[in-house]
Structures are given as C-alpha cells and as structure tokens.
C-alpha cells in the first residue's frame, strides 16, 4: 500500500480492513501473497498477521466509503 494512502486511513479504517481480510482468510479465502512455510511458521499461522502483510503490500481489493456531510443551502 502506498504510504500516502495508508496515512490517509484512520486507525479505525485500517483495523476494519485488516479484520475483514483476516476473517476471509480464516473462512478459507486464498492468500493474495506468496508466503513461504517458514514465514507462516514464524507468525504461527496467524490470519491477522497475514492480513497485515497483505495490507502493507497493497494487494487488498478492499475500499473504504466515507459518508460525506450533506450540503444544506439556506
């Protein structure tokens, strides 16, 4: 993920993205990165750590929709 985009996301949005992806991985979704068995062993097969790696590499196809305030004309 580009640093500019990662900096624009709030900590809550980052947590939501990583949590949603970790749930997908836990439910059997394929990994978007090629991770060696040694690396998986180091992170103890943690779906959250895998999701963090995918997030930092910028390969997650997840978008954030922010509601904008409505314009009120008087």
PDB file of N, CA and C in Angstrom:
ATOM      1  N   UNK A   1       0.849  -1.161   0.000  1.00  0.00           N
ATOM      2  CA  UNK A   1       0.000   0.000   0.000  1.00  0.00           C
ATOM      3  C   UNK A   1       0.892   1.220   0.000  1.00  0.00           C
ATOM      4  N   UNK A   2       0.537   2.193  -0.823  1.00  0.00           N
ATOM      5  CA  UNK A   2       1.355   3.399  -0.856  1.00  0.00           C
ATOM      6  C   UNK A   2       1.269   4.126   0.477  1.00  0.00           C
ATOM      7  N   UNK A   3       2.352   4.775   0.825  1.00  0.00           N
ATOM      8  CA  UNK A   3       2.396   5.451   2.122  1.00  0.00           C
ATOM      9  C   UNK A   3       1.355   6.555   2.200  1.00  0.00           C
ATOM     10  N   UNK A   4       1.095   7.237   1.078  1.00  0.00           N
ATOM     11  CA  UNK A   4       0.108   8.315   1.088  1.00  0.00           C
ATOM     12  C   UNK A   4      -1.275   7.783   1.428  1.00  0.00           C
ATOM     13  N   UNK A   5      -1.647   6.672   0.825  1.00  0.00           N
ATOM     14  CA  UNK A   5      -2.969   6.105   1.089  1.00  0.00           C
ATOM     15  C   UNK A   5      -3.056   5.558   2.503  1.00  0.00           C
ATOM     16  N   UNK A   6      -2.005   4.908   2.961  1.00  0.00           N
ATOM     17  CA  UNK A   6      -2.008   4.359   4.319  1.00  0.00           C
ATOM     18  C   UNK A   6      -2.092   5.471   5.356  1.00  0.00           C
ATOM     19  N   UNK A   7      -1.479   6.612   5.076  1.00  0.00           N
ATOM     20  CA  UNK A   7      -1.531   7.728   6.012  1.00  0.00           C
ATOM     21  C   UNK A   7      -2.902   8.389   6.027  1.00  0.00           C
ATOM     22  N   UNK A   8      -3.636   8.290   4.928  1.00  0.00           N
ATOM     23  CA  UNK A   8      -4.952   8.915   4.853  1.00  0.00           C
ATOM     24  C   UNK A   8      -6.024   8.105   5.570  1.00  0.00           C
ATOM     25  N   UNK A   9      -5.761   6.840   5.804  1.00  0.00           N
ATOM     26  CA  UNK A   9      -6.732   5.999   6.501  1.00  0.00           C
ATOM     27  C   UNK A   9      -6.605   6.214   7.999  1.00  0.00           C
ATOM     28  N   UNK A  10      -7.731   6.215   8.683  1.00  0.00           N
ATOM     29  CA  UNK A  10      -7.689   6.324  10.136  1.00  0.00           C
ATOM     30  C   UNK A  10      -7.330   4.966  10.722  1.00  0.00           C
ATOM     31  N   UNK A  11      -6.984   4.957  11.992  1.00  0.00           N
ATOM     32  CA  UNK A  11      -6.643   3.682  12.629  1.00  0.00           C
ATOM     33  C   UNK A  11      -7.852   2.757  12.662  1.00  0.00           C
ATOM     34  N   UNK A  12      -9.038   3.317  12.689  1.00  0.00           N
ATOM     35  CA  UNK A  12     -10.258   2.502  12.708  1.00  0.00           C
ATOM     36  C   UNK A  12     -10.499   1.870  11.340  1.00  0.00           C
ATOM     37  N   UNK A  13     -10.219   2.615  10.273  1.00  0.00           N
ATOM     38  CA  UNK A  13     -10.372   2.066   8.932  1.00  0.00           C
ATOM     39  C   UNK A  13      -9.341   0.968   8.676  1.00  0.00           C
ATOM     40  N   UNK A  14      -8.107   1.189   9.111  1.00  0.00           N
ATOM     41  CA  UNK A  14      -7.077   0.151   8.960  1.00  0.00           C
ATOM     42  C   UNK A  14      -7.473  -1.108   9.726  1.00  0.00           C
ATOM     43  N   UNK A  15      -7.974  -0.929  10.945  1.00  0.00           N
ATOM     44  CA  UNK A  15      -8.389  -2.085  11.750  1.00  0.00           C
ATOM     45  C   UNK A  15      -9.547  -2.820  11.081  1.00  0.00           C
ATOM     46  N   UNK A  16     -10.468  -2.084  10.499  1.00  0.00           N
ATOM     47  CA  UNK A  16     -11.618  -2.703   9.832  1.00  0.00           C
ATOM     48  C   UNK A  16     -11.182  -3.511   8.614  1.00  0.00           C
ATOM     49  N   UNK A  17     -10.267  -2.945   7.826  1.00  0.00           N
ATOM     50  CA  UNK A  17      -9.777  -3.631   6.629  1.00  0.00           C
ATOM     51  C   UNK A  17      -9.029  -4.903   7.011  1.00  0.00           C
ATOM     52  N   UNK A  18      -8.114  -4.792   7.965  1.00  0.00           N
ATOM     53  CA  UNK A  18      -7.312  -5.953   8.370  1.00  0.00           C
ATOM     54  C   UNK A  18      -8.193  -7.015   9.012  1.00  0.00           C
ATOM     55  N   UNK A  19      -9.145  -6.603   9.832  1.00  0.00           N
ATOM     56  CA  UNK A  19     -10.050  -7.557  10.470  1.00  0.00           C
ATOM     57  C   UNK A  19     -10.933  -8.280   9.471  1.00  0.00           C
ATOM     58  N   UNK A  20     -11.442  -7.534   8.485  1.00  0.00           N
ATOM     59  CA  UNK A  20     -12.296  -8.152   7.468  1.00  0.00           C
ATOM     60  C   UNK A  20     -11.506  -9.162   6.642  1.00  0.00           C
ATOM     61  N   UNK A  21     -10.280  -8.796   6.287  1.00  0.00           N
ATOM     62  CA  UNK A  21      -9.449  -9.710   5.496  1.00  0.00           C
ATOM     63  C   UNK A  21      -9.038 -10.932   6.310  1.00  0.00           C
ATOM     64  N   UNK A  22      -8.737 -10.739   7.592  1.00  0.00           N
ATOM     65  CA  UNK A  22      -8.379 -11.870   8.453  1.00  0.00           C
ATOM     66  C   UNK A  22      -9.547 -12.846   8.559  1.00  0.00           C
ATOM     67  N   UNK A  23     -10.760 -12.330   8.637  1.00  0.00           N
ATOM     68  CA  UNK A  23     -11.937 -13.197   8.681  1.00  0.00           C
ATOM     69  C   UNK A  23     -12.078 -13.978   7.382  1.00  0.00           C
ATOM     70  N   UNK A  24     -11.854 -13.313   6.247  1.00  0.00           N
ATOM     71  CA  UNK A  24     -11.920 -14.004   4.961  1.00  0.00           C
ATOM     72  C   UNK A  24     -10.904 -15.141   4.895  1.00  0.00           C
ATOM     73  N   UNK A  25      -9.684 -14.864   5.356  1.00  0.00           N
ATOM     74  CA  UNK A  25      -8.638 -15.892   5.336  1.00  0.00           C
ATOM     75  C   UNK A  25      -9.023 -17.050   6.251  1.00  0.00           C
ATOM     76  N   UNK A  26      -9.573 -16.736   7.416  1.00  0.00           N
ATOM     77  CA  UNK A  26      -9.979 -17.776   8.364  1.00  0.00           C
ATOM     78  C   UNK A  26     -11.099 -18.643   7.794  1.00  0.00           C
ATOM     79  N   UNK A  27     -11.915 -18.063   6.924  1.00  0.00           N
ATOM     80  CA  UNK A  27     -13.016 -18.813   6.325  1.00  0.00           C
ATOM     81  C   UNK A  27     -12.588 -19.576   5.070  1.00  0.00           C
ATOM     82  N   UNK A  28     -11.295 -19.508   4.723  1.00  0.00           N
ATOM     83  CA  UNK A  28     -10.790 -20.316   3.620  1.00  0.00           C
ATOM     84  C   UNK A  28     -10.473 -19.572   2.343  1.00  0.00           C
ATOM     85  N   UNK A  29     -10.466 -18.251   2.362  1.00  0.00           N
ATOM     86  CA  UNK A  29     -10.136 -17.488   1.162  1.00  0.00           C
ATOM     87  C   UNK A  29      -8.658 -17.689   0.820  1.00  0.00           C
ATOM     88  N   UNK A  30      -8.332 -17.683  -0.467  1.00  0.00           N
ATOM     89  CA  UNK A  30      -6.922 -17.862  -0.838  1.00  0.00           C
ATOM     90  C   UNK A  30      -6.090 -16.636  -0.454  1.00  0.00           C
ATOM     91  N   UNK A  31      -4.817 -16.876  -0.161  1.00  0.00           N
ATOM     92  CA  UNK A  31      -3.915 -15.778   0.179  1.00  0.00           C
ATOM     93  C   UNK A  31      -3.563 -15.005  -1.088  1.00  0.00           C
ATOM     94  N   UNK A  32      -3.424 -13.700  -0.960  1.00  0.00           N
ATOM     95  CA  UNK A  32      -3.088 -12.863  -2.102  1.00  0.00           C
ATOM     96  C   UNK A  32      -1.583 -12.689  -2.261  1.00  0.00           C
ATOM     97  N   UNK A  33      -0.825 -13.122  -1.276  1.00  0.00           N
ATOM     98  CA  UNK A  33       0.634 -13.088  -1.327  1.00  0.00           C
ATOM     99  C   UNK A  33       1.169 -14.509  -1.271  1.00  0.00           C
ATOM    100  N   UNK A  34       2.333 -14.696  -1.831  1.00  0.00           N
ATOM    101  CA  UNK A  34       3.015 -15.979  -1.693  1.00  0.00           C
ATOM    102  C   UNK A  34       3.889 -15.899  -0.453  1.00  0.00           C
ATOM    103  N   UNK A  35       3.536 -16.673   0.557  1.00  0.00           N
ATOM    104  CA  UNK A  35       4.265 -16.662   1.823  1.00  0.00           C
ATOM    105  C   UNK A  35       4.858 -18.050   2.028  1.00  0.00           C
ATOM    106  N   UNK A  36       6.140 -18.088   2.313  1.00  0.00           N
ATOM    107  CA  UNK A  36       6.827 -19.369   2.485  1.00  0.00           C
ATOM    108  C   UNK A  36       6.349 -20.059   3.768  1.00  0.00           C
ATOM    109  N   UNK A  37       6.449 -21.384   3.814  1.00  0.00           N
ATOM    110  CA  UNK A  37       6.060 -22.107   5.034  1.00  0.00           C
ATOM    111  C   UNK A  37       6.865 -21.678   6.260  1.00  0.00           C
ATOM    112  N   UNK A  38       8.129 -21.281   6.037  1.00  0.00           N
ATOM    113  CA  UNK A  38       8.947 -20.811   7.164  1.00  0.00           C
ATOM    114  C   UNK A  38       8.377 -19.522   7.745  1.00  0.00           C
ATOM    115  N   UNK A  39       7.980 -18.601   6.846  1.00  0.00           N
ATOM    116  CA  UNK A  39       7.398 -17.338   7.315  1.00  0.00           C
ATOM    117  C   UNK A  39       6.067 -17.571   8.019  1.00  0.00           C
ATOM    118  N   UNK A  40       5.267 -18.500   7.492  1.00  0.00           N
ATOM    119  CA  UNK A  40       4.000 -18.818   8.150  1.00  0.00           C
ATOM    120  C   UNK A  40       4.243 -19.404   9.530  1.00  0.00           C
ATOM    121  N   UNK A  41       5.282 -20.206   9.652  1.00  0.00           N
ATOM    122  CA  UNK A  41       5.632 -20.772  10.954  1.00  0.00           C
ATOM    123  C   UNK A  41       6.076 -19.701  11.932  1.00  0.00           C
ATOM    124  N   UNK A  42       6.806 -18.703  11.434  1.00  0.00           N
ATOM    125  CA  UNK A  42       7.278 -17.619  12.303  1.00  0.00           C
ATOM    126  C   UNK A  42       6.117 -16.808  12.872  1.00  0.00           C
ATOM    127  N   UNK A  43       5.088 -16.593  12.039  1.00  0.00           N
ATOM    128  CA  UNK A  43       3.937 -15.815  12.527  1.00  0.00           C
ATOM    129  C   UNK A  43       2.857 -16.722  13.113  1.00  0.00           C
ATOM    130  N   UNK A  44       3.188 -18.005  13.235  1.00  0.00           N
ATOM    131  CA  UNK A  44       2.309 -19.002  13.854  1.00  0.00           C
ATOM    132  C   UNK A  44       0.947 -19.109  13.158  1.00  0.00           C
ATOM    133  N   UNK A  45       0.966 -18.985  11.838  1.00  0.00           N
ATOM    134  CA  UNK A  45      -0.233 -19.131  11.011  1.00  0.00           C
ATOM    135  C   UNK A  45      -1.349 -18.172  11.430  1.00  0.00           C
ATOM    136  N   UNK A  46      -0.986 -17.005  11.941  1.00  0.00           N
ATOM    137  CA  UNK A  46      -1.957 -16.007  12.387  1.00  0.00           C
ATOM    138  C   UNK A  46      -2.589 -15.320  11.178  1.00  0.00           C
ATOM    139  N   UNK A  47      -3.913 -15.404  11.084  1.00  0.00           N
ATOM    140  CA  UNK A  47      -4.600 -14.770   9.960  1.00  0.00           C
ATOM    141  C   UNK A  47      -4.481 -13.252  10.027  1.00  0.00           C
ATOM    142  N   UNK A  48      -4.417 -12.701  11.211  1.00  0.00           N
ATOM    143  CA  UNK A  48      -4.284 -11.247  11.343  1.00  0.00           C
ATOM    144  C   UNK A  48      -2.919 -10.792  10.839  1.00  0.00           C
ATOM    145  N   UNK A  49      -1.877 -11.547  11.146  1.00  0.00           N
ATOM    146  CA  UNK A  49      -0.537 -11.179  10.670  1.00  0.00           C
ATOM    147  C   UNK A  49      -0.448 -11.302   9.149  1.00  0.00           C
ATOM    148  N   UNK A  50      -1.100 -12.313   8.579  1.00  0.00           N
ATOM    149  CA  UNK A  50      -1.124 -12.457   7.124  1.00  0.00           C
ATOM    150  C   UNK A  50      -1.876 -11.281   6.513  1.00  0.00           C
ATOM    151  N   UNK A  51      -3.003 -10.902   7.107  1.00  0.00           N
ATOM    152  CA  UNK A  51      -3.779  -9.770   6.606  1.00  0.00           C
ATOM    153  C   UNK A  51      -2.981  -8.472   6.710  1.00  0.00           C
ATOM    154  N   UNK A  52      -2.209  -8.307   7.777  1.00  0.00           N
ATOM    155  CA  UNK A  52      -1.362  -7.115   7.909  1.00  0.00           C
ATOM    156  C   UNK A  52      -0.318  -7.064   6.802  1.00  0.00           C
ATOM    157  N   UNK A  53       0.292  -8.228   6.499  1.00  0.00           N
ATOM    158  CA  UNK A  53       1.286  -8.275   5.423  1.00  0.00           C
ATOM    159  C   UNK A  53       0.640  -7.896   4.094  1.00  0.00           C
ATOM    160  N   UNK A  54      -0.550  -8.431   3.826  1.00  0.00           N
ATOM    161  CA  UNK A  54      -1.247  -8.105   2.583  1.00  0.00           C
ATOM    162  C   UNK A  54      -1.598  -6.623   2.534  1.00  0.00           C
ATOM    163  N   UNK A  55      -2.019  -6.064   3.651  1.00  0.00           N
ATOM    164  CA  UNK A  55      -2.365  -4.645   3.714  1.00  0.00           C
ATOM    165  C   UNK A  55      -1.143  -3.779   3.421  1.00  0.00           C
ATOM    166  N   UNK A  56      -0.023  -4.101   4.044  1.00  0.00           N
ATOM    167  CA  UNK A  56       1.186  -3.301   3.861  1.00  0.00           C
ATOM    168  C   UNK A  56       1.756  -3.423   2.451  1.00  0.00           C
ATOM    169  N   UNK A  57       1.528  -4.561   1.795  1.00  0.00           N
ATOM    170  CA  UNK A  57       1.984  -4.735   0.415  1.00  0.00           C
ATOM    171  C   UNK A  57       1.037  -4.061  -0.576  1.00  0.00           C
ATOM    172  N   UNK A  58      -0.168  -3.719  -0.143  1.00  0.00           N
ATOM    173  CA  UNK A  58      -1.112  -3.024  -1.015  1.00  0.00           C
ATOM    174  C   UNK A  58      -1.838  -3.912  -1.999  1.00  0.00           C
ATOM    175  N   UNK A  59      -2.045  -5.170  -1.652  1.00  0.00           N
ATOM    176  CA  UNK A  59      -2.699  -6.096  -2.577  1.00  0.00           C
ATOM    177  C   UNK A  59      -4.170  -6.345  -2.230  1.00  0.00           C
ATOM    178  N   UNK A  60      -4.681  -5.700  -1.209  1.00  0.00           N
ATOM    179  CA  UNK A  60      -6.065  -5.947  -0.805  1.00  0.00           C
ATOM    180  C   UNK A  60      -7.040  -5.171  -1.695  1.00  0.00           C
ATOM    181  N   UNK A  61      -8.015  -5.850  -2.269  1.00  0.00           N
ATOM    182  CA  UNK A  61      -9.002  -5.167  -3.111  1.00  0.00           C
ATOM    183  C   UNK A  61     -10.194  -4.660  -2.292  1.00  0.00           C
ATOM    184  N   UNK A  62      -9.913  -4.060  -1.154  1.00  0.00           N
ATOM    185  CA  UNK A  62     -10.969  -3.566  -0.272  1.00  0.00           C
ATOM    186  C   UNK A  62     -10.935  -2.045  -0.297  1.00  0.00           C
ATOM    187  N   UNK A  63     -12.109  -1.436  -0.447  1.00  0.00           N
ATOM    188  CA  UNK A  63     -12.180   0.022  -0.476  1.00  0.00           C
ATOM    189  C   UNK A  63     -12.972   0.519   0.720  1.00  0.00           C
ATOM    190  N   UNK A  64     -12.776   1.773   1.030  1.00  0.00           N
ATOM    191  CA  UNK A  64     -13.470   2.421   2.137  1.00  0.00           C
ATOM    192  C   UNK A  64     -14.396   3.482   1.567  1.00  0.00           C
ATOM    193  N   UNK A  65     -15.633   3.469   2.001  1.00  0.00           N
ATOM    194  CA  UNK A  65     -16.582   4.514   1.622  1.00  0.00           C
ATOM    195  C   UNK A  65     -16.822   5.388   2.837  1.00  0.00           C
ATOM    196  N   UNK A  66     -16.473   6.638   2.703  1.00  0.00           N
ATOM    197  CA  UNK A  66     -16.683   7.583   3.797  1.00  0.00           C
ATOM    198  C   UNK A  66     -17.918   8.414   3.493  1.00  0.00           C
ATOM    199  N   UNK A  67     -18.862   8.454   4.418  1.00  0.00           N
ATOM    200  CA  UNK A  67     -20.028   9.309   4.184  1.00  0.00           C
ATOM    201  C   UNK A  67     -19.616  10.775   4.310  1.00  0.00           C
ATOM    202  N   UNK A  68     -20.018  11.563   3.335  1.00  0.00           N
ATOM    203  CA  UNK A  68     -19.717  12.986   3.367  1.00  0.00           C
ATOM    204  C   UNK A  68     -20.910  13.743   3.930  1.00  0.00           C
ATOM    205  N   UNK A  69     -20.672  14.854   4.597  1.00  0.00           N
ATOM    206  CA  UNK A  69     -21.798  15.624   5.125  1.00  0.00           C
ATOM    207  C   UNK A  69     -22.631  16.195   3.984  1.00  0.00           C
ATOM    208  N   UNK A  70     -23.919  16.259   4.217  1.00  0.00           N
ATOM    209  CA  UNK A  70     -24.816  16.783   3.196  1.00  0.00           C
ATOM    210  C   UNK A  70     -24.758  18.300   3.196  1.00  0.00           C
ATOM    211  N   UNK A  71     -24.860  18.863   1.992  1.00  0.00           N
ATOM    212  CA  UNK A  71     -24.878  20.315   1.885  1.00  0.00           C
ATOM    213  C   UNK A  71     -26.275  20.813   2.219  1.00  0.00           C
ATOM    214  N   UNK A  72     -26.322  21.824   3.043  1.00  0.00           N
ATOM    215  CA  UNK A  72     -27.605  22.439   3.385  1.00  0.00           C
ATOM    216  C   UNK A  72     -27.554  23.885   2.922  1.00  0.00           C
ATOM    217  N   UNK A  73     -28.423  24.208   1.998  1.00  0.00           N
ATOM    218  CA  UNK A  73     -28.472  25.581   1.497  1.00  0.00           C
ATOM    219  C   UNK A  73     -29.631  26.301   2.155  1.00  0.00           C
ATOM    220  N   UNK A  74     -29.338  27.510   2.569  1.00  0.00           N
ATOM    221  CA  UNK A  74     -30.382  28.296   3.246  1.00  0.00           C
ATOM    222  C   UNK A  74     -30.842  29.411   2.342  1.00  0.00           C
TER     223      UNK A  74
END
